[in-house]
Amino acid sequence: MPPNSRCIGDRKSFKRIVWQYFWQTHQYCRLAVLLPLICAFVLGLTFGIWICQLDSRAASNGNILPTIYVVTATYKRPEQRAELTRLCNTLARVPAIHWLVVEDADSPSSLVADTIGNCGVLSYTHLYVATPEDEKLKSTEPYWWRPKGVRQRNLAFEWLRNDPSRTGVMYIADDDNTYDVRLFDEIRATRRVSVWPVAFAGGLLYEGIRCAHGRVLGWIVAFKPHRQFPLDMAGFAINLQLLHERPAAKLAYKVERGFQESLLLTSLGVRQSDLEARANDCSRILVWHTRTAPPKLNNVALLAERGLTLPPVIGHV
């Protein structure tokens, strides 16, 4: 054997060992990179299948959320877009709703269309109908002198009745009120008519409802307590079944102030015993009858005197 043959063989063996070591290390590194990806894919697939199974079980068990139809009458004013945007920011957080916005106008405005079309509520309908001239609030009359939104809400009732198979719950939500998102969980459970207290209504911090075990026992109100249903329009929701059963039920202009709610509920055949007490037996405030102060715009003329005009903005204010 040549004197250095053993050394050459040892070098070859060493190279082979080193090569195998690096190859195995390379394979392990590839596995280390791929394994988390494979695991994530498998887990994602499993989770997706599980969600689909839950959805199918919910559908088969009739556990699909009932739709809430939120009826909002709106009219042109400087703060209109701001108030619709604020309301929409609440409704966009609520699942399974359809927003019925009814504009007091002879034709739909781009301001309302753009606002409700870009604010996050995915399901909505934009309707319009003008208030008769003789029923419009005069500049010399206080804001509470005439009923508002009568014709607009009645149009929404007609739209809801157009499809006899339509089911769900209707809630009348003014665009200037303030709503806790939890209110809509209470609304969704309505079987016939559900009720809850409203803050800043009837000249009180809130109008009280005496409730026990889900039933209404009486009312604690100051404004016209002789009303059959001394409620604010924001204080109740109606199952659509009642609207279908009583197609003639609607609001009216020639009604004593404060009696619109009683007119609607009595025309639907509702009795006090039908009322379902919500919001923890009417002990929780989830809606406030707020009003936005009109913006002060009395400096426009001052700008004009100085030869200045506001720069244009994109869209609407």
C-alpha atoms as a PDB file:
ATOM      1  CA  MET A   1       0.000   0.000   0.000  1.00  0.00           C
ATOM      2  CA  PRO A   2       1.472   3.373  -0.898  1.00  0.00           C
ATOM      3  CA  PRO A   3       2.429   5.343   2.157  1.00  0.00           C
ATOM      4  CA  ASN A   4      -0.248   8.049   1.694  1.00  0.00           C
ATOM      5  CA  SER A   5      -3.135   5.850   0.425  1.00  0.00           C
ATOM      6  CA  ARG A   6      -4.650   5.581   3.866  1.00  0.00           C
ATOM      7  CA  CYS A   7      -4.551   9.340   4.252  1.00  0.00           C
ATOM      8  CA  ILE A   8      -6.312   9.790   0.895  1.00  0.00           C
ATOM      9  CA  GLY A   9      -9.028   7.300   1.920  1.00  0.00           C
ATOM     10  CA  ASP A  10      -9.488   9.085   5.210  1.00  0.00           C
ATOM     11  CA  ARG A  11      -9.912  12.413   3.408  1.00  0.00           C
ATOM     12  CA  LYS A  12     -12.568  10.911   1.108  1.00  0.00           C
ATOM     13  CA  SER A  13     -14.437   9.466   4.080  1.00  0.00           C
ATOM     14  CA  PHE A  14     -14.245  12.796   5.861  1.00  0.00           C
ATOM     15  CA  LYS A  15     -15.608  14.649   2.822  1.00  0.00           C
ATOM     16  CA  ARG A  16     -18.441  12.136   2.513  1.00  0.00           C
ATOM     17  CA  ILE A  17     -19.342  12.540   6.190  1.00  0.00           C
ATOM     18  CA  VAL A  18     -19.239  16.344   5.943  1.00  0.00           C
ATOM     19  CA  TRP A  19     -21.402  16.265   2.768  1.00  0.00           C
ATOM     20  CA  GLN A  20     -23.976  13.979   4.424  1.00  0.00           C
ATOM     21  CA  TYR A  21     -24.037  16.240   7.468  1.00  0.00           C
ATOM     22  CA  PHE A  22     -24.680  19.361   5.425  1.00  0.00           C
ATOM     23  CA  TRP A  23     -27.300  17.590   3.244  1.00  0.00           C
ATOM     24  CA  GLN A  24     -29.216  16.380   6.273  1.00  0.00           C
ATOM     25  CA  THR A  25     -28.978  19.847   7.841  1.00  0.00           C
ATOM     26  CA  HIS A  26     -30.312  21.354   4.607  1.00  0.00           C
ATOM     27  CA  GLN A  27     -33.267  18.947   4.601  1.00  0.00           C
ATOM     28  CA  TYR A  28     -34.043  19.735   8.223  1.00  0.00           C
ATOM     29  CA  CYS A  29     -33.936  23.464   7.446  1.00  0.00           C
ATOM     30  CA  ARG A  30     -36.362  22.996   4.557  1.00  0.00           C
ATOM     31  CA  LEU A  31     -38.695  21.081   6.847  1.00  0.00           C
ATOM     32  CA  ALA A  32     -38.355  23.792   9.489  1.00  0.00           C
ATOM     33  CA  VAL A  33     -39.546  26.366   6.944  1.00  0.00           C
ATOM     34  CA  LEU A  34     -42.256  24.282   5.306  1.00  0.00           C
ATOM     35  CA  LEU A  35     -43.684  22.626   8.409  1.00  0.00           C
ATOM     36  CA  PRO A  36     -45.278  25.800   9.882  1.00  0.00           C
ATOM     37  CA  LEU A  37     -46.767  26.616   6.478  1.00  0.00           C
ATOM     38  CA  ILE A  38     -48.192  23.113   6.145  1.00  0.00           C
ATOM     39  CA  CYS A  39     -49.577  23.259   9.685  1.00  0.00           C
ATOM     40  CA  ALA A  40     -51.141  26.689   9.060  1.00  0.00           C
ATOM     41  CA  PHE A  41     -52.778  25.425   5.868  1.00  0.00           C
ATOM     42  CA  VAL A  42     -54.185  22.338   7.581  1.00  0.00           C
ATOM     43  CA  LEU A  43     -55.447  24.363  10.554  1.00  0.00           C
ATOM     44  CA  GLY A  44     -57.030  26.961   8.260  1.00  0.00           C
ATOM     45  CA  LEU A  45     -58.736  24.260   6.222  1.00  0.00           C
ATOM     46  CA  THR A  46     -59.999  22.568   9.382  1.00  0.00           C
ATOM     47  CA  PHE A  47     -61.296  25.869  10.790  1.00  0.00           C
ATOM     48  CA  GLY A  48     -63.071  26.686   7.519  1.00  0.00           C
ATOM     49  CA  ILE A  49     -64.767  23.290   7.478  1.00  0.00           C
ATOM     50  CA  TRP A  50     -65.785  23.759  11.118  1.00  0.00           C
ATOM     51  CA  ILE A  51     -67.320  27.203  10.396  1.00  0.00           C
ATOM     52  CA  CYS A  52     -69.234  25.789   7.421  1.00  0.00           C
ATOM     53  CA  GLN A  53     -70.567  22.996   9.624  1.00  0.00           C
ATOM     54  CA  LEU A  54     -71.686  25.538  12.233  1.00  0.00           C
ATOM     55  CA  ASP A  55     -73.418  27.620   9.551  1.00  0.00           C
ATOM     56  CA  SER A  56     -75.187  24.570   8.151  1.00  0.00           C
ATOM     57  CA  ARG A  57     -76.260  23.493  11.644  1.00  0.00           C
ATOM     58  CA  ALA A  58     -77.554  26.996  12.374  1.00  0.00           C
ATOM     59  CA  ALA A  59     -79.474  27.023   9.110  1.00  0.00           C
ATOM     60  CA  SER A  60     -80.930  23.584   9.718  1.00  0.00           C
ATOM     61  CA  ASN A  61     -81.905  24.533  13.278  1.00  0.00           C
ATOM     62  CA  GLY A  62     -83.485  27.827  12.208  1.00  0.00           C
ATOM     63  CA  ASN A  63     -80.891  29.883  14.113  1.00  0.00           C
ATOM     64  CA  ILE A  64     -80.252  32.433  11.364  1.00  0.00           C
ATOM     65  CA  LEU A  65     -80.498  35.945  12.798  1.00  0.00           C
ATOM     66  CA  PRO A  66     -83.821  37.696  12.106  1.00  0.00           C
ATOM     67  CA  THR A  67     -83.395  40.820   9.994  1.00  0.00           C
ATOM     68  CA  ILE A  68     -83.916  44.209  11.636  1.00  0.00           C
ATOM     69  CA  TYR A  69     -85.441  46.775   9.271  1.00  0.00           C
ATOM     70  CA  VAL A  70     -84.329  50.186  10.514  1.00  0.00           C
ATOM     71  CA  VAL A  71     -86.634  52.953   9.212  1.00  0.00           C
ATOM     72  CA  THR A  72     -85.073  56.427   9.122  1.00  0.00           C
ATOM     73  CA  ALA A  73     -86.891  59.490   7.812  1.00  0.00           C
ATOM     74  CA  THR A  74     -84.526  62.335   6.916  1.00  0.00           C
ATOM     75  CA  TYR A  75     -84.828  65.868   5.559  1.00  0.00           C
ATOM     76  CA  LYS A  76     -82.490  68.483   4.092  1.00  0.00           C
ATOM     77  CA  ARG A  77     -80.570  70.686   6.547  1.00  0.00           C
ATOM     78  CA  PRO A  78     -76.908  71.658   7.110  1.00  0.00           C
ATOM     79  CA  GLU A  79     -76.285  68.887   9.664  1.00  0.00           C
ATOM     80  CA  GLN A  80     -78.040  66.132   7.668  1.00  0.00           C
ATOM     81  CA  ARG A  81     -74.918  64.352   6.433  1.00  0.00           C
ATOM     82  CA  ALA A  82     -73.249  64.523   9.849  1.00  0.00           C
ATOM     83  CA  GLU A  83     -76.251  62.925  11.546  1.00  0.00           C
ATOM     84  CA  LEU A  84     -76.704  60.205   8.924  1.00  0.00           C
ATOM     85  CA  THR A  85     -72.987  59.408   9.185  1.00  0.00           C
ATOM     86  CA  ARG A  86     -73.167  59.110  12.964  1.00  0.00           C
ATOM     87  CA  LEU A  87     -76.178  56.802  12.785  1.00  0.00           C
ATOM     88  CA  CYS A  88     -74.549  54.741  10.061  1.00  0.00           C
ATOM     89  CA  ASN A  89     -71.425  54.268  12.182  1.00  0.00           C
ATOM     90  CA  THR A  90     -73.660  52.543  14.735  1.00  0.00           C
ATOM     91  CA  LEU A  91     -75.674  50.482  12.250  1.00  0.00           C
ATOM     92  CA  ALA A  92     -72.516  49.276  10.480  1.00  0.00           C
ATOM     93  CA  ARG A  93     -71.634  47.351  13.654  1.00  0.00           C
ATOM     94  CA  VAL A  94     -74.952  45.472  13.687  1.00  0.00           C
ATOM     95  CA  PRO A  95     -75.306  42.181  11.774  1.00  0.00           C
ATOM     96  CA  ALA A  96     -78.387  41.260   9.737  1.00  0.00           C
ATOM     97  CA  ILE A  97     -79.943  44.696   9.303  1.00  0.00           C
ATOM     98  CA  HIS A  98     -81.536  46.473   6.351  1.00  0.00           C
ATOM     99  CA  TRP A  99     -81.549  50.266   6.502  1.00  0.00           C
ATOM    100  CA  LEU A 100     -84.612  51.943   4.988  1.00  0.00           C
ATOM    101  CA  VAL A 101     -83.743  55.614   4.509  1.00  0.00           C
ATOM    102  CA  VAL A 102     -86.708  57.713   3.352  1.00  0.00           C
ATOM    103  CA  GLU A 103     -85.884  61.210   2.193  1.00  0.00           C
ATOM    104  CA  ASP A 104     -88.344  64.094   2.481  1.00  0.00           C
ATOM    105  CA  ALA A 105     -87.944  65.226  -1.130  1.00  0.00           C
ATOM    106  CA  ASP A 106     -89.472  65.044  -4.598  1.00  0.00           C
ATOM    107  CA  SER A 107     -86.362  63.257  -5.891  1.00  0.00           C
ATOM    108  CA  PRO A 108     -83.419  61.492  -4.233  1.00  0.00           C
ATOM    109  CA  SER A 109     -80.457  63.707  -3.384  1.00  0.00           C
ATOM    110  CA  SER A 110     -76.851  62.813  -4.101  1.00  0.00           C
ATOM    111  CA  LEU A 111     -75.944  63.813  -0.533  1.00  0.00           C
ATOM    112  CA  VAL A 112     -78.123  61.101   0.996  1.00  0.00           C
ATOM    113  CA  ALA A 113     -77.257  58.556  -1.703  1.00  0.00           C
ATOM    114  CA  ASP A 114     -73.504  59.101  -1.283  1.00  0.00           C
ATOM    115  CA  THR A 115     -73.675  59.075   2.510  1.00  0.00           C
ATOM    116  CA  ILE A 116     -75.602  55.838   2.939  1.00  0.00           C
ATOM    117  CA  GLY A 117     -73.800  54.199   0.028  1.00  0.00           C
ATOM    118  CA  ASN A 118     -70.314  54.710   1.459  1.00  0.00           C
ATOM    119  CA  CYS A 119     -70.683  54.483   5.224  1.00  0.00           C
ATOM    120  CA  GLY A 120     -70.447  50.741   5.801  1.00  0.00           C
ATOM    121  CA  VAL A 121     -74.047  49.480   5.980  1.00  0.00           C
ATOM    122  CA  LEU A 122     -74.126  46.817   3.272  1.00  0.00           C
ATOM    123  CA  SER A 123     -77.895  46.355   2.930  1.00  0.00           C
ATOM    124  CA  TYR A 124     -80.023  49.462   2.464  1.00  0.00           C
ATOM    125  CA  THR A 125     -82.847  51.000   0.415  1.00  0.00           C
ATOM    126  CA  HIS A 126     -83.123  54.696  -0.457  1.00  0.00           C
ATOM    127  CA  LEU A 127     -86.713  55.914  -0.833  1.00  0.00           C
ATOM    128  CA  TYR A 128     -88.136  59.408  -1.139  1.00  0.00           C
ATOM    129  CA  VAL A 129     -91.454  61.205  -0.807  1.00  0.00           C
ATOM    130  CA  ALA A 130     -92.141  64.865  -0.040  1.00  0.00           C
ATOM    131  CA  THR A 131     -94.191  66.145   2.883  1.00  0.00           C
ATOM    132  CA  PRO A 132     -97.328  68.021   1.717  1.00  0.00           C
ATOM    133  CA  GLU A 133     -96.800  71.791   1.746  1.00  0.00           C
ATOM    134  CA  ASP A 134     -99.607  72.410   4.230  1.00  0.00           C
ATOM    135  CA  GLU A 135     -97.998  69.969   6.693  1.00  0.00           C
ATOM    136  CA  LYS A 136     -94.473  71.401   6.585  1.00  0.00           C
ATOM    137  CA  LEU A 137     -93.131  73.162   9.664  1.00  0.00           C
ATOM    138  CA  LYS A 138     -93.273  76.939   9.310  1.00  0.00           C
ATOM    139  CA  SER A 139     -90.322  79.103  10.311  1.00  0.00           C
ATOM    140  CA  THR A 140     -92.462  80.738  13.022  1.00  0.00           C
ATOM    141  CA  GLU A 141     -93.473  77.405  14.601  1.00  0.00           C
ATOM    142  CA  PRO A 142     -91.529  75.549  17.324  1.00  0.00           C
ATOM    143  CA  TYR A 143     -89.839  72.318  16.194  1.00  0.00           C
ATOM    144  CA  TRP A 144     -92.370  70.149  18.054  1.00  0.00           C
ATOM    145  CA  TRP A 145     -95.470  71.835  16.599  1.00  0.00           C
ATOM    146  CA  ARG A 146     -96.067  69.414  13.708  1.00  0.00           C
ATOM    147  CA  PRO A 147     -95.469  65.663  13.385  1.00  0.00           C
ATOM    148  CA  LYS A 148     -92.375  64.847  11.342  1.00  0.00           C
ATOM    149  CA  GLY A 149     -91.709  61.945   9.019  1.00  0.00           C
ATOM    150  CA  VAL A 150     -95.341  60.835   8.774  1.00  0.00           C
ATOM    151  CA  ARG A 151     -95.474  60.359   5.020  1.00  0.00           C
ATOM    152  CA  GLN A 152     -91.915  59.019   4.906  1.00  0.00           C
ATOM    153  CA  ARG A 153     -92.528  56.363   7.555  1.00  0.00           C
ATOM    154  CA  ASN A 154     -95.809  55.338   5.935  1.00  0.00           C
ATOM    155  CA  LEU A 155     -93.924  54.806   2.666  1.00  0.00           C
ATOM    156  CA  ALA A 156     -91.485  52.562   4.523  1.00  0.00           C
ATOM    157  CA  PHE A 157     -94.426  50.567   5.927  1.00  0.00           C
ATOM    158  CA  GLU A 158     -95.725  50.086   2.374  1.00  0.00           C
ATOM    159  CA  TRP A 159     -92.295  48.931   1.189  1.00  0.00           C
ATOM    160  CA  LEU A 160     -92.111  46.382   4.001  1.00  0.00           C
ATOM    161  CA  ARG A 161     -95.590  45.064   3.198  1.00  0.00           C
ATOM    162  CA  ASN A 162     -94.869  44.740  -0.542  1.00  0.00           C
ATOM    163  CA  ASP A 163     -93.357  41.308   0.068  1.00  0.00           C
ATOM    164  CA  PRO A 164     -95.793  39.225   2.186  1.00  0.00           C
ATOM    165  CA  SER A 165     -93.058  36.662   2.840  1.00  0.00           C
ATOM    166  CA  ARG A 166     -90.745  39.253   4.400  1.00  0.00           C
ATOM    167  CA  THR A 167     -90.025  38.500   8.050  1.00  0.00           C
ATOM    168  CA  GLY A 168     -88.084  40.274  10.754  1.00  0.00           C
ATOM    169  CA  VAL A 169     -88.477  43.248  13.067  1.00  0.00           C
ATOM    170  CA  MET A 170     -89.088  46.932  12.267  1.00  0.00           C
ATOM    171  CA  TYR A 171     -87.547  49.749  14.298  1.00  0.00           C
ATOM    172  CA  ILE A 172     -88.045  53.466  13.646  1.00  0.00           C
ATOM    173  CA  ALA A 173     -84.706  55.220  14.203  1.00  0.00           C
ATOM    174  CA  ASP A 174     -84.510  58.996  13.826  1.00  0.00           C
ATOM    175  CA  ASP A 175     -81.249  60.228  12.359  1.00  0.00           C
ATOM    176  CA  ASP A 176     -80.573  62.587  15.283  1.00  0.00           C
ATOM    177  CA  ASN A 177     -80.977  60.116  18.163  1.00  0.00           C
ATOM    178  CA  THR A 178     -78.127  58.254  19.862  1.00  0.00           C
ATOM    179  CA  TYR A 179     -78.140  54.451  20.045  1.00  0.00           C
ATOM    180  CA  ASP A 180     -76.175  51.920  22.070  1.00  0.00           C
ATOM    181  CA  VAL A 181     -75.308  49.047  19.736  1.00  0.00           C
ATOM    182  CA  ARG A 182     -76.638  46.595  22.356  1.00  0.00           C
ATOM    183  CA  LEU A 183     -80.148  47.936  21.732  1.00  0.00           C
ATOM    184  CA  PHE A 184     -80.306  45.961  18.500  1.00  0.00           C
ATOM    185  CA  ASP A 185     -79.819  42.669  20.355  1.00  0.00           C
ATOM    186  CA  GLU A 186     -82.969  43.563  22.302  1.00  0.00           C
ATOM    187  CA  ILE A 187     -84.827  44.539  19.121  1.00  0.00           C
ATOM    188  CA  ARG A 188     -83.963  41.309  17.339  1.00  0.00           C
ATOM    189  CA  ALA A 189     -85.697  39.187  19.987  1.00  0.00           C
ATOM    190  CA  THR A 190     -89.079  40.892  19.402  1.00  0.00           C
ATOM    191  CA  ARG A 191     -91.971  38.435  19.043  1.00  0.00           C
ATOM    192  CA  ARG A 192     -94.749  41.054  18.748  1.00  0.00           C
ATOM    193  CA  VAL A 193     -93.857  44.445  20.257  1.00  0.00           C
ATOM    194  CA  SER A 194     -90.884  45.033  22.536  1.00  0.00           C
ATOM    195  CA  VAL A 195     -90.363  48.167  24.662  1.00  0.00           C
ATOM    196  CA  TRP A 196     -87.616  49.888  26.698  1.00  0.00           C
ATOM    197  CA  PRO A 197     -87.073  53.311  28.304  1.00  0.00           C
ATOM    198  CA  VAL A 198     -85.824  56.304  26.287  1.00  0.00           C
ATOM    199  CA  ALA A 199     -83.640  59.002  27.841  1.00  0.00           C
ATOM    200  CA  PHE A 200     -84.298  62.756  27.429  1.00  0.00           C
ATOM    201  CA  ALA A 201     -87.948  62.204  26.464  1.00  0.00           C
ATOM    202  CA  GLY A 202     -91.170  63.723  27.782  1.00  0.00           C
ATOM    203  CA  GLY A 203     -89.366  66.457  29.721  1.00  0.00           C
ATOM    204  CA  LEU A 204     -87.636  63.899  31.972  1.00  0.00           C
ATOM    205  CA  LEU A 205     -84.165  62.403  32.268  1.00  0.00           C
ATOM    206  CA  TYR A 206     -85.919  59.290  30.978  1.00  0.00           C
ATOM    207  CA  GLU A 207     -89.539  58.138  30.719  1.00  0.00           C
ATOM    208  CA  GLY A 208     -90.035  55.198  33.050  1.00  0.00           C
ATOM    209  CA  ILE A 209     -91.729  51.870  32.395  1.00  0.00           C
ATOM    210  CA  ARG A 210     -92.649  49.616  35.322  1.00  0.00           C
ATOM    211  CA  CYS A 211     -91.723  46.089  34.287  1.00  0.00           C
ATOM    212  CA  ALA A 212     -91.354  42.694  35.934  1.00  0.00           C
ATOM    213  CA  HIS A 213     -90.442  39.294  34.521  1.00  0.00           C
ATOM    214  CA  GLY A 214     -90.554  40.554  30.943  1.00  0.00           C
ATOM    215  CA  ARG A 215     -94.037  42.119  31.228  1.00  0.00           C
ATOM    216  CA  VAL A 216     -95.114  45.788  31.314  1.00  0.00           C
ATOM    217  CA  LEU A 217     -97.033  46.743  34.467  1.00  0.00           C
ATOM    218  CA  GLY A 218     -97.380  50.507  34.041  1.00  0.00           C
ATOM    219  CA  TRP A 219     -95.836  53.828  33.087  1.00  0.00           C
ATOM    220  CA  ILE A 220     -94.026  56.597  34.944  1.00  0.00           C
ATOM    221  CA  VAL A 221     -94.325  59.625  32.652  1.00  0.00           C
ATOM    222  CA  ALA A 222     -95.153  63.320  33.020  1.00  0.00           C
ATOM    223  CA  PHE A 223     -96.199  64.287  29.482  1.00  0.00           C
ATOM    224  CA  LYS A 224     -99.832  63.354  28.762  1.00  0.00           C
ATOM    225  CA  PRO A 225     -99.894  60.249  30.971  1.00  0.00           C
ATOM    226  CA  HIS A 226    -103.432  59.441  29.770  1.00  0.00           C
ATOM    227  CA  ARG A 227    -102.019  58.202  26.450  1.00  0.00           C
ATOM    228  CA  GLN A 228    -102.743  54.517  25.890  1.00  0.00           C
ATOM    229  CA  PHE A 229     -99.070  53.907  25.083  1.00  0.00           C
ATOM    230  CA  PRO A 230     -97.015  56.763  26.582  1.00  0.00           C
ATOM    231  CA  LEU A 231     -93.899  55.830  24.606  1.00  0.00           C
ATOM    232  CA  ASP A 232     -91.386  57.660  22.473  1.00  0.00           C
ATOM    233  CA  MET A 233     -91.050  56.440  18.871  1.00  0.00           C
ATOM    234  CA  ALA A 234     -87.523  55.260  19.750  1.00  0.00           C
ATOM    235  CA  GLY A 235     -88.856  53.123  22.593  1.00  0.00           C
ATOM    236  CA  PHE A 236     -90.399  50.156  20.789  1.00  0.00           C
ATOM    237  CA  ALA A 237     -89.940  47.694  17.912  1.00  0.00           C
ATOM    238  CA  ILE A 238     -92.589  45.789  15.943  1.00  0.00           C
ATOM    239  CA  ASN A 239     -92.488  42.311  14.463  1.00  0.00           C
ATOM    240  CA  LEU A 240     -93.277  42.470  10.739  1.00  0.00           C
ATOM    241  CA  GLN A 241     -96.011  39.892  11.177  1.00  0.00           C
ATOM    242  CA  LEU A 242     -98.166  42.630  12.749  1.00  0.00           C
ATOM    243  CA  LEU A 243     -97.634  44.919   9.753  1.00  0.00           C
ATOM    244  CA  HIS A 244     -98.744  42.149   7.402  1.00  0.00           C
ATOM    245  CA  GLU A 245    -101.778  41.317   9.557  1.00  0.00           C
ATOM    246  CA  ARG A 246    -102.942  44.966   9.692  1.00  0.00           C
ATOM    247  CA  PRO A 247    -102.290  46.463   6.227  1.00  0.00           C
ATOM    248  CA  ALA A 248    -104.226  49.663   7.027  1.00  0.00           C
ATOM    249  CA  ALA A 249    -102.146  50.559  10.083  1.00  0.00           C
ATOM    250  CA  LYS A 250    -100.178  53.774   9.597  1.00  0.00           C
ATOM    251  CA  LEU A 251     -99.361  57.204  11.002  1.00  0.00           C
ATOM    252  CA  ALA A 252    -101.438  60.339  10.368  1.00  0.00           C
ATOM    253  CA  TYR A 253    -101.039  64.126  10.405  1.00  0.00           C
ATOM    254  CA  LYS A 254    -104.303  65.010  12.128  1.00  0.00           C
ATOM    255  CA  VAL A 255    -103.425  63.515  15.490  1.00  0.00           C
ATOM    256  CA  GLU A 256    -103.032  65.168  18.879  1.00  0.00           C
ATOM    257  CA  ARG A 257     -99.397  65.923  19.646  1.00  0.00           C
ATOM    258  CA  GLY A 258     -97.709  62.990  21.358  1.00  0.00           C
ATOM    259  CA  PHE A 259    -100.234  60.411  20.156  1.00  0.00           C
ATOM    260  CA  GLN A 260     -98.497  59.110  17.008  1.00  0.00           C
ATOM    261  CA  GLU A 261     -97.050  56.141  18.874  1.00  0.00           C
ATOM    262  CA  SER A 262    -100.403  55.223  20.410  1.00  0.00           C
ATOM    263  CA  LEU A 263    -102.116  55.583  17.026  1.00  0.00           C
ATOM    264  CA  LEU A 264     -99.665  53.202  15.367  1.00  0.00           C
ATOM    265  CA  LEU A 265     -99.765  50.560  18.094  1.00  0.00           C
ATOM    266  CA  THR A 266    -103.555  50.603  18.527  1.00  0.00           C
ATOM    267  CA  SER A 267    -104.068  50.395  14.747  1.00  0.00           C
ATOM    268  CA  LEU A 268    -101.887  47.275  14.850  1.00  0.00           C
ATOM    269  CA  GLY A 269    -104.216  45.766  17.456  1.00  0.00           C
ATOM    270  CA  VAL A 270    -101.605  45.883  20.219  1.00  0.00           C
ATOM    271  CA  ARG A 271    -102.627  45.694  23.879  1.00  0.00           C
ATOM    272  CA  GLN A 272    -100.462  46.360  26.910  1.00  0.00           C
ATOM    273  CA  SER A 273    -100.410  42.641  27.637  1.00  0.00           C
ATOM    274  CA  ASP A 274     -98.705  42.107  24.261  1.00  0.00           C
ATOM    275  CA  LEU A 275     -95.718  44.259  25.185  1.00  0.00           C
ATOM    276  CA  GLU A 276     -92.393  42.556  25.881  1.00  0.00           C
ATOM    277  CA  ALA A 277     -90.165  44.331  28.400  1.00  0.00           C
ATOM    278  CA  ARG A 278     -86.563  44.477  27.191  1.00  0.00           C
ATOM    279  CA  ALA A 279     -83.337  46.113  28.390  1.00  0.00           C
ATOM    280  CA  ASN A 280     -83.173  44.150  31.639  1.00  0.00           C
ATOM    281  CA  ASP A 281     -86.837  44.645  32.518  1.00  0.00           C
ATOM    282  CA  CYS A 282     -86.739  48.277  31.352  1.00  0.00           C
ATOM    283  CA  SER A 283     -83.939  49.173  33.776  1.00  0.00           C
ATOM    284  CA  ARG A 284     -81.209  49.938  31.234  1.00  0.00           C
ATOM    285  CA  ILE A 285     -80.917  53.015  28.998  1.00  0.00           C
ATOM    286  CA  LEU A 286     -79.828  52.107  25.465  1.00  0.00           C
ATOM    287  CA  VAL A 287     -81.242  55.017  23.442  1.00  0.00           C
ATOM    288  CA  TRP A 288     -81.191  58.788  23.946  1.00  0.00           C
ATOM    289  CA  HIS A 289     -83.604  61.236  22.304  1.00  0.00           C
ATOM    290  CA  THR A 290     -80.898  63.731  21.409  1.00  0.00           C
ATOM    291  CA  ARG A 291     -81.094  66.739  19.095  1.00  0.00           C
ATOM    292  CA  THR A 292     -78.177  68.317  17.254  1.00  0.00           C
ATOM    293  CA  ALA A 293     -78.018  72.093  17.617  1.00  0.00           C
ATOM    294  CA  PRO A 294     -78.203  73.840  14.228  1.00  0.00           C
ATOM    295  CA  PRO A 295     -74.713  75.029  13.229  1.00  0.00           C
ATOM    296  CA  LYS A 296     -74.036  78.762  13.431  1.00  0.00           C
ATOM    297  CA  LEU A 297     -73.461  79.963   9.875  1.00  0.00           C
ATOM    298  CA  ASN A 298     -73.833  83.705  10.410  1.00  0.00           C
ATOM    299  CA  ASN A 299     -70.308  84.635   9.287  1.00  0.00           C
ATOM    300  CA  VAL A 300     -70.785  83.803   5.610  1.00  0.00           C
ATOM    301  CA  ALA A 301     -71.621  87.441   4.865  1.00  0.00           C
ATOM    302  CA  LEU A 302     -68.509  88.548   6.766  1.00  0.00           C
ATOM    303  CA  LEU A 303     -66.324  86.513   4.413  1.00  0.00           C
ATOM    304  CA  ALA A 304     -68.108  88.002   1.414  1.00  0.00           C
ATOM    305  CA  GLU A 305     -67.445  91.523   2.696  1.00  0.00           C
ATOM    306  CA  ARG A 306     -63.746  90.681   2.735  1.00  0.00           C
ATOM    307  CA  GLY A 307     -63.898  89.296  -0.772  1.00  0.00           C
ATOM    308  CA  LEU A 308     -63.259  85.741   0.409  1.00  0.00           C
ATOM    309  CA  THR A 309     -65.005  82.464  -0.379  1.00  0.00           C
ATOM    310  CA  LEU A 310     -64.470  79.016   1.081  1.00  0.00           C
ATOM    311  CA  PRO A 311     -62.419  76.661  -1.115  1.00  0.00           C
ATOM    312  CA  PRO A 312     -64.420  73.813  -2.676  1.00  0.00           C
ATOM    313  CA  VAL A 313     -64.553  70.392  -1.025  1.00  0.00           C
ATOM    314  CA  ILE A 314     -64.968  66.988  -2.615  1.00  0.00           C
ATOM    315  CA  GLY A 315     -68.514  65.696  -2.280  1.00  0.00           C
ATOM    316  CA  HIS A 316     -70.780  67.160   0.398  1.00  0.00           C
ATOM    317  CA  VAL A 317     -70.255  68.831   3.760  1.00  0.00           C
END
